[in-house]
Amino acid sequence: MWFFIGIIIGALVLGFIWWLRRKNLNLTWYEWVLGILGLLLLVFTLQNFMGSFEEIESKAAYMFLLITGLPSLILLALTWQLAARRLAKA
């Protein structure tokens, strides 16, 4: 299952890069770093959430969503807002 999730994430990232190039948009280095960290943290959260549920540890699964899932969503939203505001100025 994780193999297919990796393929899907890779295809989404490749599609995103192609879309950026087609629109002639550039992201700064820190937007890339924040986006990649947010994506990695989100995948880490999903893996641990599903693993905790498989081991019938629902409280631990929900804590993973709170402790690591929320920061990953914040990082991804921050990346999106930084890019959107910088591109709106141009």
C-alpha atoms as a PDB file:
ATOM      1  CA  MET A   1       0.000   0.000   0.000  1.00  0.00           C
ATOM      2  CA  TRP A   2       2.783   2.459   0.853  1.00  0.00           C
ATOM      3  CA  PHE A   3       4.397   1.772  -2.494  1.00  0.00           C
ATOM      4  CA  PHE A   4       1.268   3.063  -4.232  1.00  0.00           C
ATOM      5  CA  ILE A   5       1.058   6.051  -1.905  1.00  0.00           C
ATOM      6  CA  GLY A   6       4.661   6.874  -2.842  1.00  0.00           C
ATOM      7  CA  ILE A   7       3.807   6.628  -6.529  1.00  0.00           C
ATOM      8  CA  ILE A   8       0.778   8.890  -6.067  1.00  0.00           C
ATOM      9  CA  ILE A   9       2.783  11.477  -4.113  1.00  0.00           C
ATOM     10  CA  GLY A  10       5.551  11.388  -6.710  1.00  0.00           C
ATOM     11  CA  ALA A  11       3.047  11.887  -9.525  1.00  0.00           C
ATOM     12  CA  LEU A  12       1.416  14.791  -7.669  1.00  0.00           C
ATOM     13  CA  VAL A  13       4.757  16.498  -7.045  1.00  0.00           C
ATOM     14  CA  LEU A  14       5.776  16.008 -10.679  1.00  0.00           C
ATOM     15  CA  GLY A  15       2.444  17.395 -11.863  1.00  0.00           C
ATOM     16  CA  PHE A  16       2.837  20.361  -9.518  1.00  0.00           C
ATOM     17  CA  ILE A  17       6.319  21.115 -10.876  1.00  0.00           C
ATOM     18  CA  TRP A  18       5.077  20.871 -14.470  1.00  0.00           C
ATOM     19  CA  TRP A  19       2.189  23.194 -13.618  1.00  0.00           C
ATOM     20  CA  LEU A  20       4.597  25.728 -12.067  1.00  0.00           C
ATOM     21  CA  ARG A  21       6.797  25.676 -15.163  1.00  0.00           C
ATOM     22  CA  ARG A  22       3.843  25.993 -17.546  1.00  0.00           C
ATOM     23  CA  LYS A  23       2.586  29.058 -15.651  1.00  0.00           C
ATOM     24  CA  ASN A  24       6.163  30.472 -15.384  1.00  0.00           C
ATOM     25  CA  LEU A  25       5.934  30.620 -11.587  1.00  0.00           C
ATOM     26  CA  ASN A  26       8.915  30.291  -9.291  1.00  0.00           C
ATOM     27  CA  LEU A  27       8.924  29.390  -5.629  1.00  0.00           C
ATOM     28  CA  THR A  28      11.629  30.594  -3.280  1.00  0.00           C
ATOM     29  CA  TRP A  29      13.882  28.114  -1.558  1.00  0.00           C
ATOM     30  CA  TYR A  30      12.169  28.457   1.816  1.00  0.00           C
ATOM     31  CA  GLU A  31       8.753  27.805   0.253  1.00  0.00           C
ATOM     32  CA  TRP A  32      10.123  24.563  -1.141  1.00  0.00           C
ATOM     33  CA  VAL A  33      11.638  23.602   2.230  1.00  0.00           C
ATOM     34  CA  LEU A  34       8.436  24.355   4.142  1.00  0.00           C
ATOM     35  CA  GLY A  35       6.325  22.496   1.586  1.00  0.00           C
ATOM     36  CA  ILE A  36       8.535  19.419   1.579  1.00  0.00           C
ATOM     37  CA  LEU A  37       8.698  19.349   5.390  1.00  0.00           C
ATOM     38  CA  GLY A  38       4.927  19.689   5.591  1.00  0.00           C
ATOM     39  CA  LEU A  39       4.417  16.880   3.075  1.00  0.00           C
ATOM     40  CA  LEU A  40       6.873  14.561   4.840  1.00  0.00           C
ATOM     41  CA  LEU A  41       5.272  15.270   8.206  1.00  0.00           C
ATOM     42  CA  LEU A  42       1.824  14.587   6.727  1.00  0.00           C
ATOM     43  CA  VAL A  43       2.937  11.224   5.311  1.00  0.00           C
ATOM     44  CA  PHE A  44       4.580  10.379   8.661  1.00  0.00           C
ATOM     45  CA  THR A  45       1.323  11.250  10.418  1.00  0.00           C
ATOM     46  CA  LEU A  46      -0.777   9.096   8.096  1.00  0.00           C
ATOM     47  CA  GLN A  47       1.555   6.133   8.479  1.00  0.00           C
ATOM     48  CA  ASN A  48       1.542   6.302  12.254  1.00  0.00           C
ATOM     49  CA  PHE A  49      -2.196   6.961  12.399  1.00  0.00           C
ATOM     50  CA  MET A  50      -2.946   3.864  10.346  1.00  0.00           C
ATOM     51  CA  GLY A  51      -0.374   1.791  12.224  1.00  0.00           C
ATOM     52  CA  SER A  52      -1.833   2.751  15.587  1.00  0.00           C
ATOM     53  CA  PHE A  53      -5.328   1.821  14.457  1.00  0.00           C
ATOM     54  CA  GLU A  54      -4.075  -1.551  13.202  1.00  0.00           C
ATOM     55  CA  GLU A  55      -2.659  -2.191  16.657  1.00  0.00           C
ATOM     56  CA  ILE A  56      -5.987  -1.158  18.214  1.00  0.00           C
ATOM     57  CA  GLU A  57      -4.509   1.916  19.873  1.00  0.00           C
ATOM     58  CA  SER A  58      -7.090   4.501  18.899  1.00  0.00           C
ATOM     59  CA  LYS A  59      -6.041   7.059  21.516  1.00  0.00           C
ATOM     60  CA  ALA A  60      -2.463   7.010  20.224  1.00  0.00           C
ATOM     61  CA  ALA A  61      -3.751   7.323  16.655  1.00  0.00           C
ATOM     62  CA  TYR A  62      -5.748  10.427  17.479  1.00  0.00           C
ATOM     63  CA  MET A  63      -2.828  11.915  19.402  1.00  0.00           C
ATOM     64  CA  PHE A  64      -0.663  11.478  16.300  1.00  0.00           C
ATOM     65  CA  LEU A  65      -3.244  13.414  14.324  1.00  0.00           C
ATOM     66  CA  LEU A  66      -3.090  16.218  16.844  1.00  0.00           C
ATOM     67  CA  ILE A  67       0.640  16.309  17.590  1.00  0.00           C
ATOM     68  CA  THR A  68       2.080  15.788  14.100  1.00  0.00           C
ATOM     69  CA  GLY A  69      -0.888  16.211  11.767  1.00  0.00           C
ATOM     70  CA  LEU A  70      -1.818  19.716  12.816  1.00  0.00           C
ATOM     71  CA  PRO A  71       1.729  21.105  12.379  1.00  0.00           C
ATOM     72  CA  SER A  72       1.965  19.459   8.948  1.00  0.00           C
ATOM     73  CA  LEU A  73      -1.238  21.177   7.844  1.00  0.00           C
ATOM     74  CA  ILE A  74       0.019  24.474   9.275  1.00  0.00           C
ATOM     75  CA  LEU A  75       3.290  24.146   7.333  1.00  0.00           C
ATOM     76  CA  LEU A  76       1.442  23.361   4.107  1.00  0.00           C
ATOM     77  CA  ALA A  77      -0.978  26.268   4.611  1.00  0.00           C
ATOM     78  CA  LEU A  78       1.938  28.595   5.397  1.00  0.00           C
ATOM     79  CA  THR A  79       3.684  27.538   2.201  1.00  0.00           C
ATOM     80  CA  TRP A  80       0.544  28.131   0.176  1.00  0.00           C
ATOM     81  CA  GLN A  81      -0.044  31.567   1.732  1.00  0.00           C
ATOM     82  CA  LEU A  82       3.572  32.675   1.233  1.00  0.00           C
ATOM     83  CA  ALA A  83       3.485  31.684  -2.420  1.00  0.00           C
ATOM     84  CA  ALA A  84       0.028  33.153  -3.048  1.00  0.00           C
ATOM     85  CA  ARG A  85       0.865  36.502  -1.451  1.00  0.00           C
ATOM     86  CA  ARG A  86       4.190  36.807  -3.256  1.00  0.00           C
ATOM     87  CA  LEU A  87       2.601  35.960  -6.610  1.00  0.00           C
ATOM     88  CA  ALA A  88      -0.287  38.380  -5.993  1.00  0.00           C
ATOM     89  CA  LYS A  89       2.202  41.234  -5.589  1.00  0.00           C
ATOM     90  CA  ALA A  90       3.766  40.533  -8.973  1.00  0.00           C
END
